[in-house]
Amino acid sequence: QVQLVESGGGLVQPGGSLRLSCSASIRIFSVHAMAWYRPAPGKQRELVAAITTGGSTNYADSVKGRFTISTDNAEKTVYLHMNSLKPEDTAVYYCKIDSSIRPNGYWGQGTQVTVSS
């Protein structure tokens, strides 16, 4: 069964940086897009950043200019480079890979990011 393994989370001070990564345990076919989500307080997961196979990106307004999403050449791994981190960025971050053979996508287990002084 496909599993997305996330890493890179941790504790960082405000203004610091982290890079999250998410890799599929096995090859995923027919990938359309890769994305990162985080839960808002008392809410469902919200989109943080997404990238299509064509390289187009979307970002939440709250992270524009600070976060960058990217993939490796094989689109097996998706990264989220987070700069100028703020306490409000504290959350569990989940990666998602969209595939035409799995309408609801594949989800990672989440990695904790804590921004605190």
PDB file of N, CA and C in Angstrom:
ATOM      1  N   GLN A   1       0.847  -1.183   0.000  1.00  0.00           N
ATOM      2  CA  GLN A   1       0.000   0.000   0.000  1.00  0.00           C
ATOM      3  C   GLN A   1       0.887   1.239   0.000  1.00  0.00           C
ATOM      4  N   VAL A   2       0.474   2.247  -0.717  1.00  0.00           N
ATOM      5  CA  VAL A   2       1.246   3.472  -0.804  1.00  0.00           C
ATOM      6  C   VAL A   2       1.247   4.186   0.536  1.00  0.00           C
ATOM      7  N   GLN A   3       2.411   4.651   0.927  1.00  0.00           N
ATOM      8  CA  GLN A   3       2.551   5.449   2.129  1.00  0.00           C
ATOM      9  C   GLN A   3       3.434   6.648   1.817  1.00  0.00           C
ATOM     10  N   LEU A   4       2.996   7.817   2.252  1.00  0.00           N
ATOM     11  CA  LEU A   4       3.787   9.024   2.103  1.00  0.00           C
ATOM     12  C   LEU A   4       4.479   9.306   3.424  1.00  0.00           C
ATOM     13  N   VAL A   5       5.792   9.365   3.383  1.00  0.00           N
ATOM     14  CA  VAL A   5       6.594   9.554   4.577  1.00  0.00           C
ATOM     15  C   VAL A   5       7.076  10.993   4.628  1.00  0.00           C
ATOM     16  N   GLU A   6       6.711  11.692   5.692  1.00  0.00           N
ATOM     17  CA  GLU A   6       7.076  13.085   5.862  1.00  0.00           C
ATOM     18  C   GLU A   6       8.209  13.231   6.865  1.00  0.00           C
ATOM     19  N   SER A   7       9.002  14.265   6.671  1.00  0.00           N
ATOM     20  CA  SER A   7      10.075  14.570   7.594  1.00  0.00           C
ATOM     21  C   SER A   7      10.410  16.051   7.501  1.00  0.00           C
ATOM     22  N   GLY A   8      11.219  16.518   8.431  1.00  0.00           N
ATOM     23  CA  GLY A   8      11.703  17.882   8.398  1.00  0.00           C
ATOM     24  C   GLY A   8      11.079  18.817   9.407  1.00  0.00           C
ATOM     25  N   GLY A   9      10.040  18.375  10.074  1.00  0.00           N
ATOM     26  CA  GLY A   9       9.416  19.215  11.071  1.00  0.00           C
ATOM     27  C   GLY A   9      10.278  19.338  12.307  1.00  0.00           C
ATOM     28  N   GLY A  10       9.887  20.245  13.174  1.00  0.00           N
ATOM     29  CA  GLY A  10      10.622  20.448  14.399  1.00  0.00           C
ATOM     30  C   GLY A  10      10.299  21.771  15.033  1.00  0.00           C
ATOM     31  N   LEU A  11      11.130  22.159  15.975  1.00  0.00           N
ATOM     32  CA  LEU A  11      10.978  23.411  16.700  1.00  0.00           C
ATOM     33  C   LEU A  11      11.926  24.448  16.134  1.00  0.00           C
ATOM     34  N   VAL A  12      11.398  25.620  15.849  1.00  0.00           N
ATOM     35  CA  VAL A  12      12.206  26.700  15.300  1.00  0.00           C
ATOM     36  C   VAL A  12      11.723  28.018  15.891  1.00  0.00           C
ATOM     37  N   GLN A  13      12.633  28.958  16.038  1.00  0.00           N
ATOM     38  CA  GLN A  13      12.270  30.274  16.546  1.00  0.00           C
ATOM     39  C   GLN A  13      11.618  31.118  15.466  1.00  0.00           C
ATOM     40  N   PRO A  14      10.810  32.080  15.858  1.00  0.00           N
ATOM     41  CA  PRO A  14      10.238  32.984  14.856  1.00  0.00           C
ATOM     42  C   PRO A  14      11.318  33.598  13.982  1.00  0.00           C
ATOM     43  N   GLY A  15      11.036  33.656  12.691  1.00  0.00           N
ATOM     44  CA  GLY A  15      12.005  34.144  11.730  1.00  0.00           C
ATOM     45  C   GLY A  15      12.903  33.072  11.163  1.00  0.00           C
ATOM     46  N   GLY A  16      12.849  31.893  11.719  1.00  0.00           N
ATOM     47  CA  GLY A  16      13.677  30.803  11.260  1.00  0.00           C
ATOM     48  C   GLY A  16      13.104  30.105  10.048  1.00  0.00           C
ATOM     49  N   SER A  17      13.787  29.037   9.649  1.00  0.00           N
ATOM     50  CA  SER A  17      13.412  28.305   8.448  1.00  0.00           C
ATOM     51  C   SER A  17      13.405  26.808   8.698  1.00  0.00           C
ATOM     52  N   LEU A  18      12.582  26.121   7.949  1.00  0.00           N
ATOM     53  CA  LEU A  18      12.541  24.669   7.931  1.00  0.00           C
ATOM     54  C   LEU A  18      12.231  24.215   6.524  1.00  0.00           C
ATOM     55  N   ARG A  19      12.645  23.012   6.198  1.00  0.00           N
ATOM     56  CA  ARG A  19      12.253  22.401   4.946  1.00  0.00           C
ATOM     57  C   ARG A  19      11.622  21.046   5.220  1.00  0.00           C
ATOM     58  N   LEU A  20      10.385  20.918   4.823  1.00  0.00           N
ATOM     59  CA  LEU A  20       9.671  19.667   4.950  1.00  0.00           C
ATOM     60  C   LEU A  20       9.819  18.864   3.670  1.00  0.00           C
ATOM     61  N   SER A  21       9.831  17.562   3.813  1.00  0.00           N
ATOM     62  CA  SER A  21       9.869  16.697   2.651  1.00  0.00           C
ATOM     63  C   SER A  21       8.844  15.589   2.810  1.00  0.00           C
ATOM     64  N   CYS A  22       8.399  15.076   1.692  1.00  0.00           N
ATOM     65  CA  CYS A  22       7.394  14.025   1.669  1.00  0.00           C
ATOM     66  C   CYS A  22       7.701  13.119   0.490  1.00  0.00           C
ATOM     67  N   SER A  23       7.902  11.843   0.776  1.00  0.00           N
ATOM     68  CA  SER A  23       8.267  10.886  -0.262  1.00  0.00           C
ATOM     69  C   SER A  23       7.337   9.689  -0.241  1.00  0.00           C
ATOM     70  N   ALA A  24       7.002   9.212  -1.414  1.00  0.00           N
ATOM     71  CA  ALA A  24       6.147   8.040  -1.543  1.00  0.00           C
ATOM     72  C   ALA A  24       6.962   6.769  -1.351  1.00  0.00           C
ATOM     73  N   SER A  25       6.378   5.821  -0.641  1.00  0.00           N
ATOM     74  CA  SER A  25       7.064   4.561  -0.394  1.00  0.00           C
ATOM     75  C   SER A  25       7.233   3.741  -1.660  1.00  0.00           C
ATOM     76  N   ILE A  26       6.301   3.858  -2.553  1.00  0.00           N
ATOM     77  CA  ILE A  26       6.374   3.214  -3.847  1.00  0.00           C
ATOM     78  C   ILE A  26       5.980   4.221  -4.915  1.00  0.00           C
ATOM     79  N   ARG A  27       6.255   3.864  -6.131  1.00  0.00           N
ATOM     80  CA  ARG A  27       5.958   4.766  -7.229  1.00  0.00           C
ATOM     81  C   ARG A  27       4.460   5.025  -7.338  1.00  0.00           C
ATOM     82  N   ILE A  28       4.105   6.272  -7.534  1.00  0.00           N
ATOM     83  CA  ILE A  28       2.722   6.668  -7.748  1.00  0.00           C
ATOM     84  C   ILE A  28       2.573   7.102  -9.191  1.00  0.00           C
ATOM     85  N   PHE A  29       1.595   6.521  -9.841  1.00  0.00           N
ATOM     86  CA  PHE A  29       1.381   6.815 -11.250  1.00  0.00           C
ATOM     87  C   PHE A  29       0.320   7.886 -11.435  1.00  0.00           C
ATOM     88  N   SER A  30       0.384   8.517 -12.571  1.00  0.00           N
ATOM     89  CA  SER A  30      -0.616   9.502 -12.994  1.00  0.00           C
ATOM     90  C   SER A  30      -0.772  10.625 -11.979  1.00  0.00           C
ATOM     91  N   VAL A  31       0.331  11.156 -11.522  1.00  0.00           N
ATOM     92  CA  VAL A  31       0.299  12.263 -10.581  1.00  0.00           C
ATOM     93  C   VAL A  31      -0.098  13.548 -11.299  1.00  0.00           C
ATOM     94  N   HIS A  32      -1.017  14.281 -10.688  1.00  0.00           N
ATOM     95  CA  HIS A  32      -1.450  15.560 -11.234  1.00  0.00           C
ATOM     96  C   HIS A  32      -0.900  16.748 -10.451  1.00  0.00           C
ATOM     97  N   ALA A  33      -0.845  16.598  -9.145  1.00  0.00           N
ATOM     98  CA  ALA A  33      -0.406  17.702  -8.317  1.00  0.00           C
ATOM     99  C   ALA A  33       0.064  17.184  -6.968  1.00  0.00           C
ATOM    100  N   MET A  34       0.858  17.995  -6.304  1.00  0.00           N
ATOM    101  CA  MET A  34       1.331  17.688  -4.968  1.00  0.00           C
ATOM    102  C   MET A  34       1.108  18.925  -4.111  1.00  0.00           C
ATOM    103  N   ALA A  35       0.815  18.707  -2.854  1.00  0.00           N
ATOM    104  CA  ALA A  35       0.406  19.830  -2.030  1.00  0.00           C
ATOM    105  C   ALA A  35       0.745  19.605  -0.568  1.00  0.00           C
ATOM    106  N   TRP A  36       0.680  20.690   0.189  1.00  0.00           N
ATOM    107  CA  TRP A  36       0.840  20.674   1.631  1.00  0.00           C
ATOM    108  C   TRP A  36      -0.370  21.334   2.275  1.00  0.00           C
ATOM    109  N   TYR A  37      -0.848  20.718   3.336  1.00  0.00           N
ATOM    110  CA  TYR A  37      -1.989  21.221   4.080  1.00  0.00           C
ATOM    111  C   TYR A  37      -1.636  21.341   5.553  1.00  0.00           C
ATOM    112  N   ARG A  38      -2.383  22.148   6.246  1.00  0.00           N
ATOM    113  CA  ARG A  38      -2.302  22.219   7.696  1.00  0.00           C
ATOM    114  C   ARG A  38      -3.685  22.524   8.246  1.00  0.00           C
ATOM    115  N   PRO A  39      -3.993  22.049   9.438  1.00  0.00           N
ATOM    116  CA  PRO A  39      -5.292  22.346  10.023  1.00  0.00           C
ATOM    117  C   PRO A  39      -5.293  23.720  10.664  1.00  0.00           C
ATOM    118  N   ALA A  40      -6.331  24.473  10.384  1.00  0.00           N
ATOM    119  CA  ALA A  40      -6.551  25.716  11.090  1.00  0.00           C
ATOM    120  C   ALA A  40      -7.214  25.398  12.423  1.00  0.00           C
ATOM    121  N   PRO A  41      -7.027  26.251  13.425  1.00  0.00           N
ATOM    122  CA  PRO A  41      -7.643  25.975  14.728  1.00  0.00           C
ATOM    123  C   PRO A  41      -9.146  25.772  14.617  1.00  0.00           C
ATOM    124  N   GLY A  42      -9.600  24.624  15.063  1.00  0.00           N
ATOM    125  CA  GLY A  42     -11.011  24.318  15.029  1.00  0.00           C
ATOM    126  C   GLY A  42     -11.588  24.114  13.646  1.00  0.00           C
ATOM    127  N   LYS A  43     -10.719  23.938  12.660  1.00  0.00           N
ATOM    128  CA  LYS A  43     -11.174  23.802  11.291  1.00  0.00           C
ATOM    129  C   LYS A  43     -10.531  22.588  10.633  1.00  0.00           C
ATOM    130  N   GLN A  44     -11.023  22.282   9.457  1.00  0.00           N
ATOM    131  CA  GLN A  44     -10.432  21.224   8.660  1.00  0.00           C
ATOM    132  C   GLN A  44      -9.114  21.707   8.062  1.00  0.00           C
ATOM    133  N   ARG A  45      -8.445  20.799   7.414  1.00  0.00           N
ATOM    134  CA  ARG A  45      -7.175  21.137   6.803  1.00  0.00           C
ATOM    135  C   ARG A  45      -7.350  22.187   5.711  1.00  0.00           C
ATOM    136  N   GLU A  46      -6.434  23.124   5.679  1.00  0.00           N
ATOM    137  CA  GLU A  46      -6.448  24.166   4.672  1.00  0.00           C
ATOM    138  C   GLU A  46      -5.213  24.025   3.798  1.00  0.00           C
ATOM    139  N   LEU A  47      -5.367  24.418   2.559  1.00  0.00           N
ATOM    140  CA  LEU A  47      -4.260  24.339   1.617  1.00  0.00           C
ATOM    141  C   LEU A  47      -3.207  25.377   1.954  1.00  0.00           C
ATOM    142  N   VAL A  48      -1.981  24.934   2.063  1.00  0.00           N
ATOM    143  CA  VAL A  48      -0.853  25.825   2.290  1.00  0.00           C
ATOM    144  C   VAL A  48      -0.161  26.142   0.975  1.00  0.00           C
ATOM    145  N   ALA A  49       0.126  25.109   0.210  1.00  0.00           N
ATOM    146  CA  ALA A  49       0.818  25.276  -1.057  1.00  0.00           C
ATOM    147  C   ALA A  49       0.551  24.068  -1.928  1.00  0.00           C
ATOM    148  N   ALA A  50       0.535  24.284  -3.227  1.00  0.00           N
ATOM    149  CA  ALA A  50       0.320  23.205  -4.174  1.00  0.00           C
ATOM    150  C   ALA A  50       1.140  23.459  -5.420  1.00  0.00           C
ATOM    151  N   ILE A  51       1.511  22.384  -6.078  1.00  0.00           N
ATOM    152  CA  ILE A  51       2.251  22.482  -7.324  1.00  0.00           C
ATOM    153  C   ILE A  51       1.722  21.423  -8.276  1.00  0.00           C
ATOM    154  N   THR A  52       1.481  21.819  -9.505  1.00  0.00           N
ATOM    155  CA  THR A  52       1.012  20.894 -10.520  1.00  0.00           C
ATOM    156  C   THR A  52       2.195  20.266 -11.230  1.00  0.00           C
ATOM    157  N   THR A  53       1.898  19.242 -12.013  1.00  0.00           N
ATOM    158  CA  THR A  53       2.957  18.596 -12.777  1.00  0.00           C
ATOM    159  C   THR A  53       3.566  19.539 -13.802  1.00  0.00           C
ATOM    160  N   GLY A  54       2.819  20.568 -14.182  1.00  0.00           N
ATOM    161  CA  GLY A  54       3.341  21.561 -15.089  1.00  0.00           C
ATOM    162  C   GLY A  54       4.161  22.638 -14.418  1.00  0.00           C
ATOM    163  N   GLY A  55       4.232  22.607 -13.100  1.00  0.00           N
ATOM    164  CA  GLY A  55       5.050  23.552 -12.372  1.00  0.00           C
ATOM    165  C   GLY A  55       4.320  24.763 -11.836  1.00  0.00           C
ATOM    166  N   SER A  56       3.028  24.861 -12.093  1.00  0.00           N
ATOM    167  CA  SER A  56       2.262  25.971 -11.544  1.00  0.00           C
ATOM    168  C   SER A  56       2.090  25.799 -10.047  1.00  0.00           C
ATOM    169  N   THR A  57       2.140  26.887  -9.321  1.00  0.00           N
ATOM    170  CA  THR A  57       2.050  26.836  -7.869  1.00  0.00           C
ATOM    171  C   THR A  57       0.935  27.720  -7.355  1.00  0.00           C
ATOM    172  N   ASN A  58       0.388  27.325  -6.221  1.00  0.00           N
ATOM    173  CA  ASN A  58      -0.593  28.111  -5.495  1.00  0.00           C
ATOM    174  C   ASN A  58      -0.195  28.139  -4.032  1.00  0.00           C
ATOM    175  N   TYR A  59      -0.409  29.282  -3.405  1.00  0.00           N
ATOM    176  CA  TYR A  59      -0.072  29.442  -2.001  1.00  0.00           C
ATOM    177  C   TYR A  59      -1.201  30.128  -1.262  1.00  0.00           C
ATOM    178  N   ALA A  60      -1.362  29.741  -0.015  1.00  0.00           N
ATOM    179  CA  ALA A  60      -2.255  30.486   0.847  1.00  0.00           C
ATOM    180  C   ALA A  60      -1.720  31.902   1.015  1.00  0.00           C
ATOM    181  N   ASP A  61      -2.627  32.856   1.118  1.00  0.00           N
ATOM    182  CA  ASP A  61      -2.199  34.243   1.260  1.00  0.00           C
ATOM    183  C   ASP A  61      -1.267  34.440   2.450  1.00  0.00           C
ATOM    184  N   SER A  62      -1.491  33.682   3.498  1.00  0.00           N
ATOM    185  CA  SER A  62      -0.720  33.852   4.712  1.00  0.00           C
ATOM    186  C   SER A  62       0.738  33.413   4.583  1.00  0.00           C
ATOM    187  N   VAL A  63       1.052  32.647   3.541  1.00  0.00           N
ATOM    188  CA  VAL A  63       2.416  32.142   3.395  1.00  0.00           C
ATOM    189  C   VAL A  63       3.099  32.635   2.130  1.00  0.00           C
ATOM    190  N   LYS A  64       2.394  33.374   1.300  1.00  0.00           N
ATOM    191  CA  LYS A  64       2.996  33.878   0.069  1.00  0.00           C
ATOM    192  C   LYS A  64       4.233  34.713   0.372  1.00  0.00           C
ATOM    193  N   GLY A  65       5.270  34.450  -0.390  1.00  0.00           N
ATOM    194  CA  GLY A  65       6.518  35.159  -0.193  1.00  0.00           C
ATOM    195  C   GLY A  65       7.407  34.556   0.866  1.00  0.00           C
ATOM    196  N   ARG A  66       6.877  33.619   1.641  1.00  0.00           N
ATOM    197  CA  ARG A  66       7.654  32.997   2.708  1.00  0.00           C
ATOM    198  C   ARG A  66       7.886  31.507   2.474  1.00  0.00           C
ATOM    199  N   PHE A  67       6.914  30.827   1.891  1.00  0.00           N
ATOM    200  CA  PHE A  67       7.005  29.387   1.658  1.00  0.00           C
ATOM    201  C   PHE A  67       7.199  29.119   0.172  1.00  0.00           C
ATOM    202  N   THR A  68       7.910  28.051  -0.129  1.00  0.00           N
ATOM    203  CA  THR A  68       8.110  27.625  -1.501  1.00  0.00           C
ATOM    204  C   THR A  68       7.903  26.127  -1.598  1.00  0.00           C
ATOM    205  N   ILE A  69       7.053  25.707  -2.515  1.00  0.00           N
ATOM    206  CA  ILE A  69       6.830  24.293  -2.746  1.00  0.00           C
ATOM    207  C   ILE A  69       7.596  23.869  -3.992  1.00  0.00           C
ATOM    208  N   SER A  70       8.150  22.677  -3.961  1.00  0.00           N
ATOM    209  CA  SER A  70       8.903  22.170  -5.094  1.00  0.00           C
ATOM    210  C   SER A  70       8.880  20.655  -5.089  1.00  0.00           C
ATOM    211  N   THR A  71       9.275  20.067  -6.205  1.00  0.00           N
ATOM    212  CA  THR A  71       9.370  18.617  -6.325  1.00  0.00           C
ATOM    213  C   THR A  71      10.716  18.248  -6.911  1.00  0.00           C
ATOM    214  N   ASP A  72      11.074  16.981  -6.761  1.00  0.00           N
ATOM    215  CA  ASP A  72      12.250  16.507  -7.462  1.00  0.00           C
ATOM    216  C   ASP A  72      11.878  16.236  -8.913  1.00  0.00           C
ATOM    217  N   ASN A  73      12.868  15.900  -9.713  1.00  0.00           N
ATOM    218  CA  ASN A  73      12.621  15.733 -11.142  1.00  0.00           C
ATOM    219  C   ASN A  73      11.666  14.588 -11.447  1.00  0.00           C
ATOM    220  N   ALA A  74      11.675  13.572 -10.625  1.00  0.00           N
ATOM    221  CA  ALA A  74      10.803  12.422 -10.826  1.00  0.00           C
ATOM    222  C   ALA A  74       9.434  12.609 -10.198  1.00  0.00           C
ATOM    223  N   GLU A  75       9.244  13.710  -9.515  1.00  0.00           N
ATOM    224  CA  GLU A  75       7.996  14.003  -8.804  1.00  0.00           C
ATOM    225  C   GLU A  75       7.631  12.889  -7.826  1.00  0.00           C
ATOM    226  N   LYS A  76       8.642  12.322  -7.221  1.00  0.00           N
ATOM    227  CA  LYS A  76       8.435  11.337  -6.183  1.00  0.00           C
ATOM    228  C   LYS A  76       8.413  11.990  -4.804  1.00  0.00           C
ATOM    229  N   THR A  77       9.099  13.105  -4.689  1.00  0.00           N
ATOM    230  CA  THR A  77       9.213  13.810  -3.431  1.00  0.00           C
ATOM    231  C   THR A  77       8.747  15.249  -3.592  1.00  0.00           C
ATOM    232  N   VAL A  78       8.008  15.731  -2.622  1.00  0.00           N
ATOM    233  CA  VAL A  78       7.582  17.115  -2.603  1.00  0.00           C
ATOM    234  C   VAL A  78       8.159  17.779  -1.367  1.00  0.00           C
ATOM    235  N   TYR A  79       8.592  19.014  -1.530  1.00  0.00           N
ATOM    236  CA  TYR A  79       9.216  19.762  -0.456  1.00  0.00           C
ATOM    237  C   TYR A  79       8.409  21.016  -0.149  1.00  0.00           C
ATOM    238  N   LEU A  80       8.541  21.473   1.057  1.00  0.00           N
ATOM    239  CA  LEU A  80       8.007  22.769   1.448  1.00  0.00           C
ATOM    240  C   LEU A  80       9.098  23.498   2.205  1.00  0.00           C
ATOM    241  N   HIS A  81       9.677  24.492   1.558  1.00  0.00           N
ATOM    242  CA  HIS A  81      10.710  25.305   2.186  1.00  0.00           C
ATOM    243  C   HIS A  81      10.029  26.495   2.834  1.00  0.00           C
ATOM    244  N   MET A  82      10.154  26.587   4.131  1.00  0.00           N
ATOM    245  CA  MET A  82       9.467  27.598   4.906  1.00  0.00           C
ATOM    246  C   MET A  82      10.479  28.578   5.477  1.00  0.00           C
ATOM    247  N   ASN A  83      10.321  29.827   5.127  1.00  0.00           N
ATOM    248  CA  ASN A  83      11.179  30.894   5.619  1.00  0.00           C
ATOM    249  C   ASN A  83      10.364  31.880   6.444  1.00  0.00           C
ATOM    250  N   SER A  84      11.069  32.674   7.211  1.00  0.00           N
ATOM    251  CA  SER A  84      10.432  33.724   8.016  1.00  0.00           C
ATOM    252  C   SER A  84       9.242  33.182   8.794  1.00  0.00           C
ATOM    253  N   LEU A  85       9.459  32.083   9.452  1.00  0.00           N
ATOM    254  CA  LEU A  85       8.368  31.408  10.145  1.00  0.00           C
ATOM    255  C   LEU A  85       7.812  32.254  11.283  1.00  0.00           C
ATOM    256  N   LYS A  86       6.511  32.139  11.455  1.00  0.00           N
ATOM    257  CA  LYS A  86       5.784  32.865  12.478  1.00  0.00           C
ATOM    258  C   LYS A  86       5.128  31.879  13.434  1.00  0.00           C
ATOM    259  N   PRO A  87       4.860  32.299  14.656  1.00  0.00           N
ATOM    260  CA  PRO A  87       4.169  31.394  15.584  1.00  0.00           C
ATOM    261  C   PRO A  87       2.860  30.852  15.030  1.00  0.00           C
ATOM    262  N   GLU A  88       2.160  31.649  14.247  1.00  0.00           N
ATOM    263  CA  GLU A  88       0.903  31.181  13.685  1.00  0.00           C
ATOM    264  C   GLU A  88       1.071  30.108  12.622  1.00  0.00           C
ATOM    265  N   ASP A  89       2.311  29.850  12.203  1.00  0.00           N
ATOM    266  CA  ASP A  89       2.580  28.749  11.296  1.00  0.00           C
ATOM    267  C   ASP A  89       2.627  27.412  12.020  1.00  0.00           C
ATOM    268  N   THR A  90       2.624  27.445  13.326  1.00  0.00           N
ATOM    269  CA  THR A  90       2.659  26.216  14.106  1.00  0.00           C
ATOM    270  C   THR A  90       1.468  25.334  13.757  1.00  0.00           C
ATOM    271  N   ALA A  91       1.751  24.113  13.363  1.00  0.00           N
ATOM    272  CA  ALA A  91       0.701  23.188  12.950  1.00  0.00           C
ATOM    273  C   ALA A  91       1.330  21.859  12.587  1.00  0.00           C
ATOM    274  N   VAL A  92       0.486  20.873  12.415  1.00  0.00           N
ATOM    275  CA  VAL A  92       0.898  19.632  11.786  1.00  0.00           C
ATOM    276  C   VAL A  92       0.693  19.799  10.289  1.00  0.00           C
ATOM    277  N   TYR A  93       1.739  19.576   9.539  1.00  0.00           N
ATOM    278  CA  TYR A  93       1.684  19.744   8.099  1.00  0.00           C
ATOM    279  C   TYR A  93       1.555  18.383   7.423  1.00  0.00           C
ATOM    280  N   TYR A  94       0.622  18.300   6.509  1.00  0.00           N
ATOM    281  CA  TYR A  94       0.336  17.065   5.796  1.00  0.00           C
ATOM    282  C   TYR A  94       0.608  17.245   4.312  1.00  0.00           C
ATOM    283  N   CYS A  95       1.275  16.292   3.719  1.00  0.00           N
ATOM    284  CA  CYS A  95       1.456  16.337   2.279  1.00  0.00           C
ATOM    285  C   CYS A  95       0.375  15.508   1.607  1.00  0.00           C
ATOM    286  N   LYS A  96       0.110  15.857   0.376  1.00  0.00           N
ATOM    287  CA  LYS A  96      -0.900  15.169  -0.413  1.00  0.00           C
ATOM    288  C   LYS A  96      -0.426  15.075  -1.850  1.00  0.00           C
ATOM    289  N   ILE A  97      -0.639  13.922  -2.435  1.00  0.00           N
ATOM    290  CA  ILE A  97      -0.339  13.724  -3.843  1.00  0.00           C
ATOM    291  C   ILE A  97      -1.624  13.320  -4.548  1.00  0.00           C
ATOM    292  N   ASP A  98      -1.969  14.080  -5.563  1.00  0.00           N
ATOM    293  CA  ASP A  98      -3.163  13.796  -6.348  1.00  0.00           C
ATOM    294  C   ASP A  98      -2.812  12.916  -7.526  1.00  0.00           C
ATOM    295  N   SER A  99      -3.609  11.901  -7.735  1.00  0.00           N
ATOM    296  CA  SER A  99      -3.421  10.978  -8.830  1.00  0.00           C
ATOM    297  C   SER A  99      -4.757  10.657  -9.456  1.00  0.00           C
ATOM    298  N   SER A 100      -4.746  10.456 -10.761  1.00  0.00           N
ATOM    299  CA  SER A 100      -5.989  10.143 -11.446  1.00  0.00           C
ATOM    300  C   SER A 100      -6.547   8.788 -11.042  1.00  0.00           C
ATOM    301  N   ILE A 101      -5.722   7.919 -10.478  1.00  0.00           N
ATOM    302  CA  ILE A 101      -6.201   6.609 -10.054  1.00  0.00           C
ATOM    303  C   ILE A 101      -6.651   6.593  -8.599  1.00  0.00           C
ATOM    304  N   ARG A 102      -6.577   7.711  -7.938  1.00  0.00           N
ATOM    305  CA  ARG A 102      -7.039   7.828  -6.561  1.00  0.00           C
ATOM    306  C   ARG A 102      -7.674   9.203  -6.388  1.00  0.00           C
ATOM    307  N   PRO A 103      -8.981   9.290  -6.556  1.00  0.00           N
ATOM    308  CA  PRO A 103      -9.647  10.601  -6.558  1.00  0.00           C
ATOM    309  C   PRO A 103      -9.403  11.425  -5.301  1.00  0.00           C
ATOM    310  N   ASN A 104      -9.298  10.795  -4.143  1.00  0.00           N
ATOM    311  CA  ASN A 104      -9.098  11.532  -2.908  1.00  0.00           C
ATOM    312  C   ASN A 104      -7.635  11.778  -2.578  1.00  0.00           C
ATOM    313  N   GLY A 105      -6.752  11.288  -3.408  1.00  0.00           N
ATOM    314  CA  GLY A 105      -5.339  11.523  -3.222  1.00  0.00           C
ATOM    315  C   GLY A 105      -4.707  10.630  -2.180  1.00  0.00           C
ATOM    316  N   TYR A 106      -3.401  10.730  -2.094  1.00  0.00           N
ATOM    317  CA  TYR A 106      -2.627  10.055  -1.068  1.00  0.00           C
ATOM    318  C   TYR A 106      -2.192  11.089  -0.040  1.00  0.00           C
ATOM    319  N   TRP A 107      -2.217  10.706   1.230  1.00  0.00           N
ATOM    320  CA  TRP A 107      -1.903  11.634   2.319  1.00  0.00           C
ATOM    321  C   TRP A 107      -0.763  11.119   3.171  1.00  0.00           C
ATOM    322  N   GLY A 108       0.076  12.039   3.596  1.00  0.00           N
ATOM    323  CA  GLY A 108       1.112  11.712   4.546  1.00  0.00           C
ATOM    324  C   GLY A 108       0.577  11.666   5.960  1.00  0.00           C
ATOM    325  N   GLN A 109       1.424  11.231   6.879  1.00  0.00           N
ATOM    326  CA  GLN A 109       1.011  11.073   8.268  1.00  0.00           C
ATOM    327  C   GLN A 109       1.066  12.374   9.060  1.00  0.00           C
ATOM    328  N   GLY A 110       1.673  13.384   8.491  1.00  0.00           N
ATOM    329  CA  GLY A 110       1.810  14.662   9.154  1.00  0.00           C
ATOM    330  C   GLY A 110       3.139  14.805   9.866  1.00  0.00           C
ATOM    331  N   THR A 111       3.662  16.012   9.862  1.00  0.00           N
ATOM    332  CA  THR A 111       4.878  16.325  10.597  1.00  0.00           C
ATOM    333  C   THR A 111       4.667  17.635  11.345  1.00  0.00           C
ATOM    334  N   GLN A 112       5.064  17.650  12.600  1.00  0.00           N
ATOM    335  CA  GLN A 112       4.803  18.793  13.471  1.00  0.00           C
ATOM    336  C   GLN A 112       5.819  19.898  13.252  1.00  0.00           C
ATOM    337  N   VAL A 113       5.310  21.095  13.044  1.00  0.00           N
ATOM    338  CA  VAL A 113       6.129  22.301  12.982  1.00  0.00           C
ATOM    339  C   VAL A 113       5.709  23.201  14.129  1.00  0.00           C
ATOM    340  N   THR A 114       6.657  23.565  14.956  1.00  0.00           N
ATOM    341  CA  THR A 114       6.385  24.443  16.082  1.00  0.00           C
ATOM    342  C   THR A 114       7.291  25.655  15.991  1.00  0.00           C
ATOM    343  N   VAL A 115       6.693  26.826  15.953  1.00  0.00           N
ATOM    344  CA  VAL A 115       7.431  28.076  15.871  1.00  0.00           C
ATOM    345  C   VAL A 115       7.220  28.811  17.186  1.00  0.00           C
ATOM    346  N   SER A 116       8.263  28.902  17.959  1.00  0.00           N
ATOM    347  CA  SER A 116       8.144  29.486  19.289  1.00  0.00           C
ATOM    348  C   SER A 116       9.497  30.000  19.751  1.00  0.00           C
ATOM    349  N   SER A 117       9.464  31.061  20.505  1.00  0.00           N
ATOM    350  CA  SER A 117      10.673  31.595  21.103  1.00  0.00           C
ATOM    351  C   SER A 117      10.898  31.044  22.496  1.00  0.00           C
TER     352      SER A 117
END
